[in-house]
Amino acid sequence: MKSLVLGALALVLSAGAAAAQDHAWEAVGVSDGAVMAVDWPSLSRSGAVARVTIGAVTPRPAADSPFDYATSVIDVDCAERSRGYRTIRSSFFRMNGSTAAPDYTDITDWETINEGALMNDVKREVCASTASRAGFFDDINGFAVNVRAVMASQ
């Protein structure tokens, strides 16, 4: 199921590819509860720590969800397994692009990533990539809208 959804997302999302981008969002993980994306040009490194902006989109509308998608600036420790990632800032949005909640700006402690979690997909891709990696959407809202369209067709 996961590979089928990622394949469908890749086909639809590749239609939004742009040449030179300030932002280049690409799906890197999918589950029943979220589709994770990375904005590749935001990727920078300081030693083994990579800082990057990620997005999390709820694939289907949920009445009890306070937001439809979120973006977060995170640090990922590419060297040490026990120190997975920490959140620097998160922003929350509705599908129309409006803000759904105040930004979260407290830096979190380093979090261990559980086996099989979407953050494993994020960490694996971020640690193996550079800021020059291509993405398919130049804004997270367009990415989120397309995720919802793909999931609605499944």
Foldseek 3Di string as FASTA:
>chain_A
DFVVLLVLLCVLLQVQADDDAPWFWAFQGDDQAWTKIWGLLQWDDDVQKIWTKMKIAGQEDDPPDLAGMKIWTKIARLPDQQQGIKTQKMFGHHLVGDGSDDIDGDIDGGHHDDPPDRSVSVSVVSSVDHSPDHHRHRDVSVSNVSSNVSSVVD
